[in-house]
N, C-alpha and C. Protein backbone atom coordinates (compact mmCIF):
# COMPACT_ATOMS: atom_id res chain seq x y z
N MET A 1 16.01 -2.26 -10.67
CA MET A 1 15.73 -1.19 -9.74
C MET A 1 15.48 0.12 -10.52
N GLU A 2 14.36 0.76 -10.25
CA GLU A 2 13.99 1.99 -10.93
C GLU A 2 14.60 3.20 -10.23
N PHE A 3 15.12 4.12 -11.01
CA PHE A 3 15.70 5.35 -10.46
C PHE A 3 14.60 6.37 -10.28
N ARG A 4 14.38 6.81 -9.05
CA ARG A 4 13.31 7.77 -8.75
C ARG A 4 13.83 9.19 -8.86
N THR A 5 13.05 10.04 -9.47
CA THR A 5 13.38 11.46 -9.54
C THR A 5 12.33 12.33 -8.87
N GLU A 6 11.20 11.76 -8.48
CA GLU A 6 10.15 12.50 -7.82
C GLU A 6 9.73 11.79 -6.54
N TYR A 7 9.44 12.58 -5.50
CA TYR A 7 9.11 12.05 -4.19
C TYR A 7 7.89 12.77 -3.64
N GLU A 8 6.92 12.00 -3.15
CA GLU A 8 5.72 12.57 -2.56
C GLU A 8 5.99 12.98 -1.13
N PHE A 9 5.29 14.01 -0.69
CA PHE A 9 5.39 14.45 0.69
C PHE A 9 4.02 14.94 1.17
N GLU A 10 3.90 15.09 2.49
CA GLU A 10 2.71 15.69 3.08
C GLU A 10 3.17 16.70 4.13
N LEU A 11 2.74 17.93 3.94
CA LEU A 11 3.13 19.00 4.85
C LEU A 11 2.51 18.80 6.23
N PRO A 12 3.24 19.15 7.28
CA PRO A 12 2.69 19.01 8.64
C PRO A 12 1.45 19.88 8.87
N ARG A 13 1.44 21.10 8.37
CA ARG A 13 0.30 22.00 8.56
C ARG A 13 -0.47 22.19 7.26
N GLY A 14 0.23 22.52 6.19
CA GLY A 14 -0.42 22.71 4.89
C GLY A 14 -0.42 24.17 4.47
N TYR A 15 -0.52 24.35 3.17
CA TYR A 15 -0.55 25.68 2.57
C TYR A 15 -2.00 26.11 2.40
N VAL A 16 -2.33 27.30 2.87
CA VAL A 16 -3.67 27.85 2.72
C VAL A 16 -3.64 28.88 1.59
N ASP A 17 -4.38 28.60 0.52
CA ASP A 17 -4.38 29.52 -0.63
C ASP A 17 -5.30 30.72 -0.37
N GLU A 18 -5.37 31.62 -1.36
CA GLU A 18 -6.15 32.85 -1.21
C GLU A 18 -7.65 32.60 -1.05
N ASN A 19 -8.12 31.40 -1.41
CA ASN A 19 -9.53 31.05 -1.25
C ASN A 19 -9.80 30.32 0.07
N GLY A 20 -8.75 30.11 0.85
CA GLY A 20 -8.90 29.41 2.13
C GLY A 20 -8.79 27.90 2.01
N SER A 21 -8.48 27.38 0.82
CA SER A 21 -8.33 25.93 0.64
C SER A 21 -6.97 25.47 1.18
N LEU A 22 -6.97 24.31 1.81
CA LEU A 22 -5.76 23.74 2.39
C LEU A 22 -5.14 22.74 1.43
N HIS A 23 -3.83 22.86 1.22
CA HIS A 23 -3.09 21.97 0.33
C HIS A 23 -1.95 21.35 1.15
N LYS A 24 -1.96 20.03 1.30
CA LYS A 24 -0.95 19.37 2.14
C LYS A 24 -0.05 18.40 1.36
N ARG A 25 -0.62 17.72 0.38
CA ARG A 25 0.14 16.70 -0.34
C ARG A 25 0.82 17.31 -1.56
N GLY A 26 2.06 16.87 -1.78
CA GLY A 26 2.78 17.41 -2.91
C GLY A 26 3.84 16.46 -3.42
N VAL A 27 4.57 16.94 -4.42
CA VAL A 27 5.65 16.17 -5.05
C VAL A 27 6.85 17.09 -5.21
N MET A 28 8.02 16.55 -4.86
CA MET A 28 9.27 17.27 -5.05
C MET A 28 10.17 16.40 -5.94
N ARG A 29 10.81 17.05 -6.90
CA ARG A 29 11.74 16.32 -7.77
C ARG A 29 13.17 16.53 -7.28
N LEU A 30 14.05 15.65 -7.74
CA LEU A 30 15.47 15.83 -7.42
C LEU A 30 15.98 17.14 -8.03
N ALA A 31 16.88 17.78 -7.34
CA ALA A 31 17.46 19.04 -7.82
C ALA A 31 18.53 18.75 -8.87
N THR A 32 18.66 19.68 -9.80
CA THR A 32 19.73 19.61 -10.79
C THR A 32 20.81 20.63 -10.41
N ALA A 33 21.92 20.58 -11.10
CA ALA A 33 22.98 21.55 -10.86
C ALA A 33 22.45 22.96 -11.13
N ALA A 34 21.65 23.12 -12.18
CA ALA A 34 21.09 24.43 -12.51
C ALA A 34 20.20 24.95 -11.39
N ASP A 35 19.46 24.06 -10.73
CA ASP A 35 18.59 24.48 -9.63
C ASP A 35 19.39 25.14 -8.51
N GLU A 36 20.60 24.68 -8.30
CA GLU A 36 21.42 25.23 -7.22
C GLU A 36 22.28 26.40 -7.67
N ILE A 37 22.62 26.46 -8.94
CA ILE A 37 23.53 27.50 -9.43
C ILE A 37 22.79 28.75 -9.90
N LEU A 38 21.76 28.59 -10.72
CA LEU A 38 21.08 29.74 -11.31
C LEU A 38 20.49 30.71 -10.29
N PRO A 39 19.91 30.25 -9.18
CA PRO A 39 19.37 31.21 -8.21
C PRO A 39 20.43 32.14 -7.60
N MET A 40 21.69 31.75 -7.67
CA MET A 40 22.75 32.58 -7.11
C MET A 40 22.85 33.92 -7.86
N ARG A 41 22.36 33.98 -9.09
CA ARG A 41 22.36 35.22 -9.89
C ARG A 41 21.21 36.14 -9.53
N ASP A 42 20.21 35.60 -8.85
CA ASP A 42 19.02 36.36 -8.51
C ASP A 42 19.35 37.44 -7.48
N GLN A 43 18.88 38.65 -7.72
CA GLN A 43 19.16 39.78 -6.82
C GLN A 43 18.65 39.54 -5.41
N ARG A 44 17.51 38.83 -5.30
CA ARG A 44 16.95 38.55 -3.97
C ARG A 44 17.90 37.71 -3.14
N VAL A 45 18.62 36.78 -3.79
CA VAL A 45 19.59 35.93 -3.10
C VAL A 45 20.85 36.74 -2.79
N GLN A 46 21.26 37.58 -3.72
CA GLN A 46 22.44 38.40 -3.49
C GLN A 46 22.23 39.37 -2.33
N GLN A 47 21.02 39.88 -2.18
CA GLN A 47 20.71 40.79 -1.09
C GLN A 47 20.47 40.05 0.23
N ASN A 48 19.95 38.83 0.14
CA ASN A 48 19.64 38.03 1.33
C ASN A 48 19.87 36.56 1.00
N PRO A 49 21.04 36.01 1.34
CA PRO A 49 21.37 34.61 1.01
C PRO A 49 20.34 33.59 1.52
N SER A 50 19.59 33.92 2.56
CA SER A 50 18.57 33.00 3.07
C SER A 50 17.46 32.77 2.06
N TYR A 51 17.31 33.69 1.11
CA TYR A 51 16.25 33.57 0.10
C TYR A 51 16.52 32.43 -0.88
N LEU A 52 17.75 31.93 -0.89
CA LEU A 52 18.11 30.83 -1.78
C LEU A 52 17.18 29.63 -1.59
N SER A 53 16.87 29.29 -0.35
CA SER A 53 16.00 28.12 -0.13
C SER A 53 14.60 28.34 -0.67
N ILE A 54 14.12 29.58 -0.67
CA ILE A 54 12.79 29.87 -1.21
C ILE A 54 12.78 29.60 -2.71
N ILE A 55 13.79 30.08 -3.41
CA ILE A 55 13.87 29.88 -4.86
C ILE A 55 14.09 28.40 -5.19
N LEU A 56 14.97 27.75 -4.45
CA LEU A 56 15.22 26.32 -4.68
C LEU A 56 13.94 25.51 -4.55
N LEU A 57 13.22 25.73 -3.47
CA LEU A 57 11.98 24.97 -3.27
C LEU A 57 10.95 25.28 -4.36
N ALA A 58 10.85 26.53 -4.78
CA ALA A 58 9.91 26.87 -5.85
C ALA A 58 10.27 26.16 -7.15
N ARG A 59 11.55 25.89 -7.35
CA ARG A 59 11.99 25.21 -8.57
C ARG A 59 11.74 23.70 -8.53
N VAL A 60 11.87 23.08 -7.34
CA VAL A 60 11.82 21.62 -7.27
C VAL A 60 10.47 21.05 -6.82
N ILE A 61 9.61 21.87 -6.24
CA ILE A 61 8.27 21.37 -5.88
C ILE A 61 7.43 21.42 -7.16
N THR A 62 7.03 20.26 -7.63
CA THR A 62 6.31 20.18 -8.89
C THR A 62 4.79 20.12 -8.70
N LYS A 63 4.37 19.81 -7.48
CA LYS A 63 2.93 19.71 -7.22
C LYS A 63 2.69 19.99 -5.75
N LEU A 64 1.63 20.73 -5.48
CA LEU A 64 1.18 20.96 -4.11
C LEU A 64 -0.34 21.09 -4.14
N GLY A 65 -0.99 20.04 -3.69
CA GLY A 65 -2.45 20.01 -3.71
C GLY A 65 -2.99 20.24 -5.10
N ASP A 66 -3.97 21.14 -5.19
CA ASP A 66 -4.60 21.45 -6.48
C ASP A 66 -4.05 22.72 -7.13
N LEU A 67 -2.97 23.25 -6.60
CA LEU A 67 -2.42 24.48 -7.17
C LEU A 67 -1.95 24.25 -8.59
N ARG A 68 -2.17 25.25 -9.44
CA ARG A 68 -1.75 25.14 -10.85
C ARG A 68 -0.24 25.29 -10.99
N ALA A 69 0.35 26.15 -10.16
CA ALA A 69 1.79 26.40 -10.24
C ALA A 69 2.32 26.72 -8.85
N ILE A 70 3.59 26.39 -8.65
CA ILE A 70 4.27 26.71 -7.40
C ILE A 70 5.37 27.70 -7.74
N ASP A 71 5.29 28.89 -7.13
CA ASP A 71 6.32 29.90 -7.35
C ASP A 71 6.81 30.40 -6.00
N THR A 72 7.69 31.40 -6.03
CA THR A 72 8.26 31.90 -4.79
C THR A 72 7.19 32.50 -3.87
N LYS A 73 6.14 33.06 -4.43
CA LYS A 73 5.06 33.63 -3.60
C LYS A 73 4.39 32.54 -2.77
N VAL A 74 4.19 31.36 -3.36
CA VAL A 74 3.59 30.24 -2.63
C VAL A 74 4.53 29.83 -1.50
N VAL A 75 5.81 29.64 -1.80
CA VAL A 75 6.78 29.20 -0.80
C VAL A 75 6.89 30.24 0.32
N GLU A 76 6.86 31.51 -0.03
CA GLU A 76 6.93 32.58 0.98
C GLU A 76 5.76 32.53 1.95
N ARG A 77 4.61 32.05 1.49
CA ARG A 77 3.40 32.03 2.33
C ARG A 77 3.25 30.74 3.13
N LEU A 78 4.20 29.83 3.05
CA LEU A 78 4.14 28.61 3.85
C LEU A 78 4.34 28.93 5.32
N PHE A 79 3.73 28.14 6.19
CA PHE A 79 4.01 28.26 7.61
C PHE A 79 5.46 27.84 7.85
N THR A 80 6.08 28.40 8.87
CA THR A 80 7.50 28.12 9.11
C THR A 80 7.76 26.64 9.36
N SER A 81 6.83 25.94 10.00
CA SER A 81 7.03 24.50 10.23
C SER A 81 7.03 23.73 8.90
N ASP A 82 6.21 24.16 7.95
CA ASP A 82 6.18 23.52 6.63
C ASP A 82 7.45 23.85 5.84
N LEU A 83 7.92 25.08 5.96
CA LEU A 83 9.17 25.46 5.28
C LEU A 83 10.33 24.63 5.81
N ALA A 84 10.43 24.48 7.13
CA ALA A 84 11.49 23.67 7.73
C ALA A 84 11.38 22.21 7.27
N PHE A 85 10.14 21.70 7.21
CA PHE A 85 9.92 20.32 6.74
C PHE A 85 10.44 20.15 5.32
N LEU A 86 10.09 21.11 4.44
CA LEU A 86 10.49 21.01 3.03
C LEU A 86 12.00 21.17 2.85
N GLN A 87 12.63 22.03 3.64
CA GLN A 87 14.08 22.18 3.58
C GLN A 87 14.77 20.88 3.97
N ASN A 88 14.26 20.23 5.01
CA ASN A 88 14.82 18.95 5.44
C ASN A 88 14.55 17.87 4.40
N PHE A 89 13.35 17.85 3.84
CA PHE A 89 12.99 16.86 2.82
C PHE A 89 13.88 17.02 1.59
N TYR A 90 14.14 18.27 1.20
CA TYR A 90 15.04 18.56 0.08
C TYR A 90 16.42 17.94 0.33
N ARG A 91 16.95 18.16 1.53
CA ARG A 91 18.26 17.58 1.88
C ARG A 91 18.21 16.05 1.84
N GLN A 92 17.14 15.49 2.39
CA GLN A 92 17.00 14.03 2.43
C GLN A 92 17.05 13.40 1.04
N ILE A 93 16.26 13.93 0.12
CA ILE A 93 16.18 13.28 -1.19
C ILE A 93 17.38 13.58 -2.07
N ASN A 94 18.09 14.67 -1.78
CA ASN A 94 19.22 15.04 -2.62
C ASN A 94 20.58 14.61 -2.08
N GLU A 95 20.64 14.16 -0.83
CA GLU A 95 21.89 13.66 -0.28
C GLU A 95 22.21 12.31 -0.89
N VAL A 96 23.48 12.10 -1.19
CA VAL A 96 23.89 10.80 -1.72
C VAL A 96 23.93 9.78 -0.59
N GLU A 97 24.44 10.19 0.52
CA GLU A 97 24.59 9.28 1.65
C GLU A 97 24.13 9.98 2.91
N LYS A 98 23.35 9.28 3.70
CA LYS A 98 22.89 9.84 4.96
C LYS A 98 24.03 9.83 5.98
N LEU A 99 24.05 10.86 6.80
CA LEU A 99 25.00 10.90 7.90
C LEU A 99 24.40 10.16 9.08
N SER A 100 25.11 9.16 9.58
CA SER A 100 24.61 8.43 10.73
C SER A 100 25.77 8.09 11.66
N VAL A 101 25.41 7.78 12.87
CA VAL A 101 26.41 7.44 13.87
C VAL A 101 25.95 6.18 14.59
N ARG A 102 26.86 5.27 14.82
CA ARG A 102 26.54 4.04 15.53
C ARG A 102 26.68 4.33 17.02
N THR A 103 25.68 3.94 17.80
CA THR A 103 25.69 4.23 19.23
C THR A 103 25.14 3.06 20.02
N VAL A 104 25.28 3.14 21.34
CA VAL A 104 24.83 2.07 22.24
C VAL A 104 23.96 2.69 23.32
N CYS A 105 22.84 2.07 23.59
CA CYS A 105 21.96 2.52 24.66
C CYS A 105 22.66 2.26 26.00
N PRO A 106 22.80 3.27 26.84
CA PRO A 106 23.50 3.08 28.11
C PRO A 106 22.75 2.19 29.11
N LYS A 107 21.45 2.00 28.90
CA LYS A 107 20.66 1.19 29.83
C LYS A 107 20.60 -0.28 29.44
N CYS A 108 20.41 -0.55 28.13
CA CYS A 108 20.21 -1.95 27.72
C CYS A 108 21.32 -2.49 26.83
N ASP A 109 22.32 -1.68 26.52
CA ASP A 109 23.45 -2.06 25.67
C ASP A 109 23.06 -2.43 24.24
N HIS A 110 21.87 -2.01 23.82
CA HIS A 110 21.43 -2.27 22.44
C HIS A 110 22.19 -1.32 21.51
N GLU A 111 22.81 -1.87 20.44
CA GLU A 111 23.52 -1.07 19.46
C GLU A 111 22.56 -0.69 18.33
N PHE A 112 22.66 0.58 17.87
CA PHE A 112 21.81 1.03 16.77
C PHE A 112 22.44 2.25 16.12
N GLU A 113 21.93 2.58 14.91
CA GLU A 113 22.41 3.75 14.19
C GLU A 113 21.41 4.88 14.32
N VAL A 114 21.93 6.09 14.44
CA VAL A 114 21.09 7.28 14.55
C VAL A 114 21.39 8.17 13.34
N ASP A 115 20.33 8.55 12.63
CA ASP A 115 20.46 9.46 11.48
C ASP A 115 20.69 10.87 12.02
N ILE A 116 21.83 11.46 11.68
CA ILE A 116 22.13 12.81 12.16
C ILE A 116 22.22 13.80 11.01
N SER A 117 21.66 13.46 9.86
CA SER A 117 21.70 14.35 8.69
C SER A 117 21.14 15.72 9.02
N PHE A 118 19.95 15.76 9.61
CA PHE A 118 19.33 17.04 9.93
C PHE A 118 20.10 17.76 11.02
N LEU A 119 20.56 17.03 12.03
CA LEU A 119 21.30 17.65 13.13
C LEU A 119 22.58 18.31 12.63
N ALA A 120 23.26 17.66 11.70
CA ALA A 120 24.52 18.21 11.18
C ALA A 120 24.28 19.54 10.49
N GLU A 121 23.12 19.71 9.84
CA GLU A 121 22.81 20.95 9.14
C GLU A 121 22.48 22.09 10.08
N THR A 122 21.99 21.79 11.29
CA THR A 122 21.54 22.85 12.18
C THR A 122 22.55 23.18 13.27
N GLU A 123 23.60 22.42 13.43
CA GLU A 123 24.57 22.63 14.51
C GLU A 123 25.16 24.02 14.52
N GLY A 124 25.57 24.54 13.37
CA GLY A 124 26.23 25.83 13.32
C GLY A 124 25.30 27.02 13.44
N ASN A 125 23.98 26.78 13.44
CA ASN A 125 23.01 27.89 13.45
C ASN A 125 22.67 28.35 14.84
């Protein structure tokens, strides 16, 4: 079994660059401890903790369409639906274990598991 460190994704809307070109397909790598710790020293994060996700994504997105580089300016210009998608994708690939709950359909009694990883992250917001 091969250990994967990079994961392909496709943005729901896509990033529109300064030339009007649309970039939807990209690659995100697994985060390292440094990816999560070093941005905490950044003044932008200290002034606004929400900026942490912008810096994190700029560090772990290794490819987006034909762009030469991905930096915080690119991430800042993403549509909000694409930013939410990437934040969820980041959590998905970096979680060790998915949060799920076993449930039963009240109509047909079919038992199944529901992934609540994303729901658990948004409950307190």
